C-alpha cells in the first residue's frame, strides 16, 4: 500500500518574516506554529532569521548612536 506524501505549500516572504518576528519575541500560538511547520521550509526560516538578526542589530546600533550623540 503506497504511503501518502504530504506536499508543503510555499509560504510567502511576508509569512516567513511574520513567523520569524513572532519567534524572536517568543510568542506563538500552537495553531500558528503548526501552520508554519506545514508551510515553511528550513532554508526560508534560516535566511529570514539571519536577515531579522541583522536588522535588529543595525536598529540597536542606530538607536544607541542616536542617543549618545
PDB file of N, CA and C in Angstrom:
ATOM      1  N   UNK A   1       0.839  -1.171   0.000  1.00  0.00           N
ATOM      2  CA  UNK A   1       0.000   0.000   0.000  1.00  0.00           C
ATOM      3  C   UNK A   1       0.891   1.244   0.000  1.00  0.00           C
ATOM      4  N   UNK A   2       0.749   2.131  -0.985  1.00  0.00           N
ATOM      5  CA  UNK A   2       1.595   3.330  -1.041  1.00  0.00           C
ATOM      6  C   UNK A   2       1.225   4.314   0.059  1.00  0.00           C
ATOM      7  N   UNK A   3       2.254   4.977   0.575  1.00  0.00           N
ATOM      8  CA  UNK A   3       2.036   5.974   1.615  1.00  0.00           C
ATOM      9  C   UNK A   3       1.741   7.323   0.972  1.00  0.00           C
ATOM     10  N   UNK A   4       0.900   8.104   1.613  1.00  0.00           N
ATOM     11  CA  UNK A   4       0.569   9.434   1.113  1.00  0.00           C
ATOM     12  C   UNK A   4       1.744  10.367   1.385  1.00  0.00           C
ATOM     13  N   UNK A   5       2.115  11.101   0.381  1.00  0.00           N
ATOM     14  CA  UNK A   5       3.199  12.063   0.517  1.00  0.00           C
ATOM     15  C   UNK A   5       2.582  13.435   0.718  1.00  0.00           C
ATOM     16  N   UNK A   6       2.988  14.079   1.790  1.00  0.00           N
ATOM     17  CA  UNK A   6       2.454  15.405   2.089  1.00  0.00           C
ATOM     18  C   UNK A   6       3.333  16.453   1.422  1.00  0.00           C
ATOM     19  N   UNK A   7       2.744  17.275   0.582  1.00  0.00           N
ATOM     20  CA  UNK A   7       3.483  18.329  -0.107  1.00  0.00           C
ATOM     21  C   UNK A   7       3.350  19.623   0.677  1.00  0.00           C
ATOM     22  N   UNK A   8       4.478  20.285   0.864  1.00  0.00           N
ATOM     23  CA  UNK A   8       4.453  21.573   1.551  1.00  0.00           C
ATOM     24  C   UNK A   8       4.117  22.667   0.554  1.00  0.00           C
ATOM     25  N   UNK A   9       3.194  23.519   0.937  1.00  0.00           N
ATOM     26  CA  UNK A   9       2.912  24.676   0.100  1.00  0.00           C
ATOM     27  C   UNK A   9       3.949  25.740   0.416  1.00  0.00           C
ATOM     28  N   UNK A  10       4.268  26.537  -0.566  1.00  0.00           N
ATOM     29  CA  UNK A  10       5.268  27.582  -0.368  1.00  0.00           C
ATOM     30  C   UNK A  10       4.667  28.750   0.393  1.00  0.00           C
ATOM     31  N   UNK A  11       5.376  29.202   1.388  1.00  0.00           N
ATOM     32  CA  UNK A  11       4.946  30.352   2.164  1.00  0.00           C
ATOM     33  C   UNK A  11       5.470  31.613   1.488  1.00  0.00           C
ATOM     34  N   UNK A  12       4.711  32.681   1.598  1.00  0.00           N
ATOM     35  CA  UNK A  12       5.148  33.948   1.028  1.00  0.00           C
ATOM     36  C   UNK A  12       6.247  34.549   1.912  1.00  0.00           C
ATOM     37  N   UNK A  13       7.055  35.444   1.348  1.00  0.00           N
ATOM     38  CA  UNK A  13       8.092  36.086   2.166  1.00  0.00           C
ATOM     39  C   UNK A  13       7.512  36.816   3.390  1.00  0.00           C
ATOM     40  N   UNK A  14       6.328  37.374   3.244  1.00  0.00           N
ATOM     41  CA  UNK A  14       5.686  38.052   4.377  1.00  0.00           C
ATOM     42  C   UNK A  14       5.345  37.053   5.483  1.00  0.00           C
ATOM     43  N   UNK A  15       4.857  35.885   5.123  1.00  0.00           N
ATOM     44  CA  UNK A  15       4.548  34.852   6.112  1.00  0.00           C
ATOM     45  C   UNK A  15       5.810  34.384   6.832  1.00  0.00           C
ATOM     46  N   UNK A  16       6.896  34.257   6.096  1.00  0.00           N
ATOM     47  CA  UNK A  16       8.161  33.825   6.692  1.00  0.00           C
ATOM     48  C   UNK A  16       8.658  34.877   7.681  1.00  0.00           C
ATOM     49  N   UNK A  17       8.648  36.143   7.283  1.00  0.00           N
ATOM     50  CA  UNK A  17       9.112  37.212   8.169  1.00  0.00           C
ATOM     51  C   UNK A  17       8.220  37.333   9.401  1.00  0.00           C
ATOM     52  N   UNK A  18       6.918  37.149   9.224  1.00  0.00           N
ATOM     53  CA  UNK A  18       5.987  37.192  10.355  1.00  0.00           C
ATOM     54  C   UNK A  18       6.307  36.072  11.342  1.00  0.00           C
ATOM     55  N   UNK A  19       6.551  34.878  10.847  1.00  0.00           N
ATOM     56  CA  UNK A  19       6.881  33.746  11.713  1.00  0.00           C
ATOM     57  C   UNK A  19       8.184  33.987  12.464  1.00  0.00           C
ATOM     58  N   UNK A  20       9.183  34.535  11.779  1.00  0.00           N
ATOM     59  CA  UNK A  20      10.474  34.806  12.418  1.00  0.00           C
ATOM     60  C   UNK A  20      10.332  35.923  13.453  1.00  0.00           C
ATOM     61  N   UNK A  21       9.562  36.953  13.132  1.00  0.00           N
ATOM     62  CA  UNK A  21       9.342  38.063  14.072  1.00  0.00           C
ATOM     63  C   UNK A  21       8.713  37.554  15.360  1.00  0.00           C
ATOM     64  N   UNK A  22       7.649  36.770  15.244  1.00  0.00           N
ATOM     65  CA  UNK A  22       6.978  36.256  16.443  1.00  0.00           C
ATOM     66  C   UNK A  22       7.893  35.295  17.192  1.00  0.00           C
ATOM     67  N   UNK A  23       8.737  34.585  16.489  1.00  0.00           N
ATOM     68  CA  UNK A  23       9.683  33.686  17.146  1.00  0.00           C
ATOM     69  C   UNK A  23      10.743  34.472  17.922  1.00  0.00           C
ATOM     70  N   UNK A  24      11.166  35.615  17.373  1.00  0.00           N
ATOM     71  CA  UNK A  24      12.109  36.473  18.098  1.00  0.00           C
ATOM     72  C   UNK A  24      11.492  36.924  19.415  1.00  0.00           C
ATOM     73  N   UNK A  25      10.201  37.238  19.397  1.00  0.00           N
ATOM     74  CA  UNK A  25       9.528  37.676  20.614  1.00  0.00           C
ATOM     75  C   UNK A  25       9.194  36.514  21.543  1.00  0.00           C
ATOM     76  N   UNK A  26       9.151  35.316  21.002  1.00  0.00           N
ATOM     77  CA  UNK A  26       8.834  34.150  21.814  1.00  0.00           C
ATOM     78  C   UNK A  26       7.346  33.953  22.036  1.00  0.00           C
ATOM     79  N   UNK A  27       6.535  34.566  21.196  1.00  0.00           N
ATOM     80  CA  UNK A  27       5.082  34.481  21.326  1.00  0.00           C
ATOM     81  C   UNK A  27       4.536  33.740  20.119  1.00  0.00           C
ATOM     82  N   UNK A  28       4.055  32.526  20.325  1.00  0.00           N
ATOM     83  CA  UNK A  28       3.479  31.740  19.229  1.00  0.00           C
ATOM     84  C   UNK A  28       2.297  30.955  19.751  1.00  0.00           C
ATOM     85  N   UNK A  29       1.213  30.968  19.017  1.00  0.00           N
ATOM     86  CA  UNK A  29       0.084  30.094  19.329  1.00  0.00           C
ATOM     87  C   UNK A  29       0.355  28.727  18.709  1.00  0.00           C
ATOM     88  N   UNK A  30      -0.160  27.696  19.314  1.00  0.00           N
ATOM     89  CA  UNK A  30       0.082  26.328  18.833  1.00  0.00           C
ATOM     90  C   UNK A  30      -0.420  26.154  17.400  1.00  0.00           C
ATOM     91  N   UNK A  31      -1.595  26.678  17.094  1.00  0.00           N
ATOM     92  CA  UNK A  31      -2.157  26.532  15.750  1.00  0.00           C
ATOM     93  C   UNK A  31      -1.295  27.254  14.717  1.00  0.00           C
ATOM     94  N   UNK A  32      -0.819  28.436  15.051  1.00  0.00           N
ATOM     95  CA  UNK A  32       0.041  29.186  14.134  1.00  0.00           C
ATOM     96  C   UNK A  32       1.364  28.455  13.923  1.00  0.00           C
ATOM     97  N   UNK A  33       1.912  27.890  14.994  1.00  0.00           N
ATOM     98  CA  UNK A  33       3.161  27.133  14.882  1.00  0.00           C
ATOM     99  C   UNK A  33       2.982  25.947  13.944  1.00  0.00           C
ATOM    100  N   UNK A  34       1.905  25.208  14.115  1.00  0.00           N
ATOM    101  CA  UNK A  34       1.667  24.035  13.271  1.00  0.00           C
ATOM    102  C   UNK A  34       1.446  24.435  11.811  1.00  0.00           C
ATOM    103  N   UNK A  35       0.783  25.564  11.587  1.00  0.00           N
ATOM    104  CA  UNK A  35       0.595  26.054  10.223  1.00  0.00           C
ATOM    105  C   UNK A  35       1.940  26.438   9.601  1.00  0.00           C
ATOM    106  N   UNK A  36       2.820  27.063  10.396  1.00  0.00           N
ATOM    107  CA  UNK A  36       4.146  27.438   9.908  1.00  0.00           C
ATOM    108  C   UNK A  36       4.976  26.203   9.571  1.00  0.00           C
ATOM    109  N   UNK A  37       4.909  25.195  10.412  1.00  0.00           N
ATOM    110  CA  UNK A  37       5.668  23.967  10.168  1.00  0.00           C
ATOM    111  C   UNK A  37       5.224  23.323   8.857  1.00  0.00           C
ATOM    112  N   UNK A  38       3.947  23.420   8.562  1.00  0.00           N
ATOM    113  CA  UNK A  38       3.425  22.806   7.343  1.00  0.00           C
ATOM    114  C   UNK A  38       3.804  23.583   6.089  1.00  0.00           C
ATOM    115  N   UNK A  39       4.050  24.888   6.212  1.00  0.00           N
ATOM    116  CA  UNK A  39       4.268  25.684   5.002  1.00  0.00           C
ATOM    117  C   UNK A  39       5.681  26.240   4.844  1.00  0.00           C
ATOM    118  N   UNK A  40       6.459  26.328   5.911  1.00  0.00           N
ATOM    119  CA  UNK A  40       7.793  26.922   5.824  1.00  0.00           C
ATOM    120  C   UNK A  40       8.853  25.865   5.564  1.00  0.00           C
ATOM    121  N   UNK A  41       9.828  26.238   4.773  1.00  0.00           N
ATOM    122  CA  UNK A  41      10.976  25.374   4.520  1.00  0.00           C
ATOM    123  C   UNK A  41      12.132  25.849   5.406  1.00  0.00           C
ATOM    124  N   UNK A  42      12.991  24.940   5.841  1.00  0.00           N
ATOM    125  CA  UNK A  42      14.102  25.339   6.718  1.00  0.00           C
ATOM    126  C   UNK A  42      14.986  26.440   6.126  1.00  0.00           C
ATOM    127  N   UNK A  43      15.248  26.391   4.834  1.00  0.00           N
ATOM    128  CA  UNK A  43      16.095  27.418   4.213  1.00  0.00           C
ATOM    129  C   UNK A  43      15.438  28.797   4.321  1.00  0.00           C
ATOM    130  N   UNK A  44      14.116  28.857   4.160  1.00  0.00           N
ATOM    131  CA  UNK A  44      13.408  30.136   4.279  1.00  0.00           C
ATOM    132  C   UNK A  44      13.565  30.703   5.686  1.00  0.00           C
ATOM    133  N   UNK A  45      13.425  29.845   6.685  1.00  0.00           N
ATOM    134  CA  UNK A  45      13.500  30.297   8.078  1.00  0.00           C
ATOM    135  C   UNK A  45      14.917  30.754   8.415  1.00  0.00           C
ATOM    136  N   UNK A  46      15.916  30.027   7.949  1.00  0.00           N
ATOM    137  CA  UNK A  46      17.306  30.394   8.231  1.00  0.00           C
ATOM    138  C   UNK A  46      17.651  31.738   7.612  1.00  0.00           C
ATOM    139  N   UNK A  47      17.293  31.927   6.358  1.00  0.00           N
ATOM    140  CA  UNK A  47      17.585  33.201   5.675  1.00  0.00           C
ATOM    141  C   UNK A  47      16.837  34.350   6.341  1.00  0.00           C
ATOM    142  N   UNK A  48      15.550  34.151   6.638  1.00  0.00           N
ATOM    143  CA  UNK A  48      14.762  35.201   7.288  1.00  0.00           C
ATOM    144  C   UNK A  48      15.306  35.499   8.685  1.00  0.00           C
ATOM    145  N   UNK A  49      15.766  34.475   9.400  1.00  0.00           N
ATOM    146  CA  UNK A  49      16.348  34.683  10.726  1.00  0.00           C
ATOM    147  C   UNK A  49      17.619  35.500  10.682  1.00  0.00           C
ATOM    148  N   UNK A  50      18.465  35.214   9.701  1.00  0.00           N
ATOM    149  CA  UNK A  50      19.708  35.981   9.546  1.00  0.00           C
ATOM    150  C   UNK A  50      19.392  37.433   9.201  1.00  0.00           C
ATOM    151  N   UNK A  51      18.461  37.632   8.275  1.00  0.00           N
ATOM    152  CA  UNK A  51      18.075  38.998   7.907  1.00  0.00           C
ATOM    153  C   UNK A  51      17.459  39.719   9.104  1.00  0.00           C
ATOM    154  N   UNK A  52      16.598  39.021   9.838  1.00  0.00           N
ATOM    155  CA  UNK A  52      15.982  39.621  11.027  1.00  0.00           C
ATOM    156  C   UNK A  52      17.006  40.002  12.076  1.00  0.00           C
ATOM    157  N   UNK A  53      17.998  39.141  12.285  1.00  0.00           N
ATOM    158  CA  UNK A  53      19.043  39.436  13.269  1.00  0.00           C
ATOM    159  C   UNK A  53      19.869  40.644  12.843  1.00  0.00           C
ATOM    160  N   UNK A  54      20.189  40.731  11.552  1.00  0.00           N
ATOM    161  CA  UNK A  54      20.953  41.882  11.043  1.00  0.00           C
ATOM    162  C   UNK A  54      20.166  43.169  11.229  1.00  0.00           C
ATOM    163  N   UNK A  55      18.887  43.138  10.896  1.00  0.00           N
ATOM    164  CA  UNK A  55      18.041  44.330  11.054  1.00  0.00           C
ATOM    165  C   UNK A  55      17.947  44.724  12.526  1.00  0.00           C
ATOM    166  N   UNK A  56      17.794  43.744  13.419  1.00  0.00           N
ATOM    167  CA  UNK A  56      17.717  44.027  14.854  1.00  0.00           C
ATOM    168  C   UNK A  56      19.008  44.674  15.356  1.00  0.00           C
ATOM    169  N   UNK A  57      20.154  44.107  14.991  1.00  0.00           N
ATOM    170  CA  UNK A  57      21.440  44.648  15.444  1.00  0.00           C
ATOM    171  C   UNK A  57      21.670  46.045  14.879  1.00  0.00           C
ATOM    172  N   UNK A  58      21.399  46.238  13.587  1.00  0.00           N
ATOM    173  CA  UNK A  58      21.575  47.571  12.991  1.00  0.00           C
ATOM    174  C   UNK A  58      20.636  48.591  13.631  1.00  0.00           C
ATOM    175  N   UNK A  59      19.422  48.173  13.932  1.00  0.00           N
ATOM    176  CA  UNK A  59      18.475  49.066  14.602  1.00  0.00           C
ATOM    177  C   UNK A  59      18.956  49.464  15.989  1.00  0.00           C
ATOM    178  N   UNK A  60      19.487  48.509  16.736  1.00  0.00           N
ATOM    179  CA  UNK A  60      20.005  48.820  18.075  1.00  0.00           C
ATOM    180  C   UNK A  60      21.235  49.713  18.005  1.00  0.00           C
ATOM    181  N   UNK A  61      22.121  49.446  17.062  1.00  0.00           N
ATOM    182  CA  UNK A  61      23.315  50.285  16.904  1.00  0.00           C
ATOM    183  C   UNK A  61      22.911  51.709  16.530  1.00  0.00           C
ATOM    184  N   UNK A  62      21.954  51.837  15.637  1.00  0.00           N
ATOM    185  CA  UNK A  62      21.475  53.162  15.234  1.00  0.00           C
ATOM    186  C   UNK A  62      20.828  53.884  16.409  1.00  0.00           C
ATOM    187  N   UNK A  63      20.026  53.168  17.192  1.00  0.00           N
ATOM    188  CA  UNK A  63      19.375  53.774  18.359  1.00  0.00           C
ATOM    189  C   UNK A  63      20.409  54.241  19.377  1.00  0.00           C
ATOM    190  N   UNK A  64      21.405  53.434  19.661  1.00  0.00           N
ATOM    191  CA  UNK A  64      22.446  53.812  20.619  1.00  0.00           C
ATOM    192  C   UNK A  64      23.234  55.003  20.086  1.00  0.00           C
ATOM    193  N   UNK A  65      23.561  54.990  18.807  1.00  0.00           N
ATOM    194  CA  UNK A  65      24.299  56.113  18.209  1.00  0.00           C
ATOM    195  C   UNK A  65      23.484  57.401  18.308  1.00  0.00           C
ATOM    196  N   UNK A  66      22.176  57.299  18.056  1.00  0.00           N
ATOM    197  CA  UNK A  66      21.295  58.465  18.136  1.00  0.00           C
ATOM    198  C   UNK A  66      21.213  59.003  19.562  1.00  0.00           C
ATOM    199  N   UNK A  67      21.125  58.104  20.543  1.00  0.00           N
ATOM    200  CA  UNK A  67      21.011  58.513  21.942  1.00  0.00           C
ATOM    201  C   UNK A  67      22.308  59.143  22.434  1.00  0.00           C
ATOM    202  N   UNK A  68      23.436  58.580  22.041  1.00  0.00           N
ATOM    203  CA  UNK A  68      24.735  59.093  22.504  1.00  0.00           C
ATOM    204  C   UNK A  68      25.043  60.462  21.903  1.00  0.00           C
ATOM    205  N   UNK A  69      24.679  60.694  20.651  1.00  0.00           N
ATOM    206  CA  UNK A  69      25.046  61.981  20.029  1.00  0.00           C
ATOM    207  C   UNK A  69      24.100  63.094  20.347  1.00  0.00           C
TER     208      UNK A  69
END
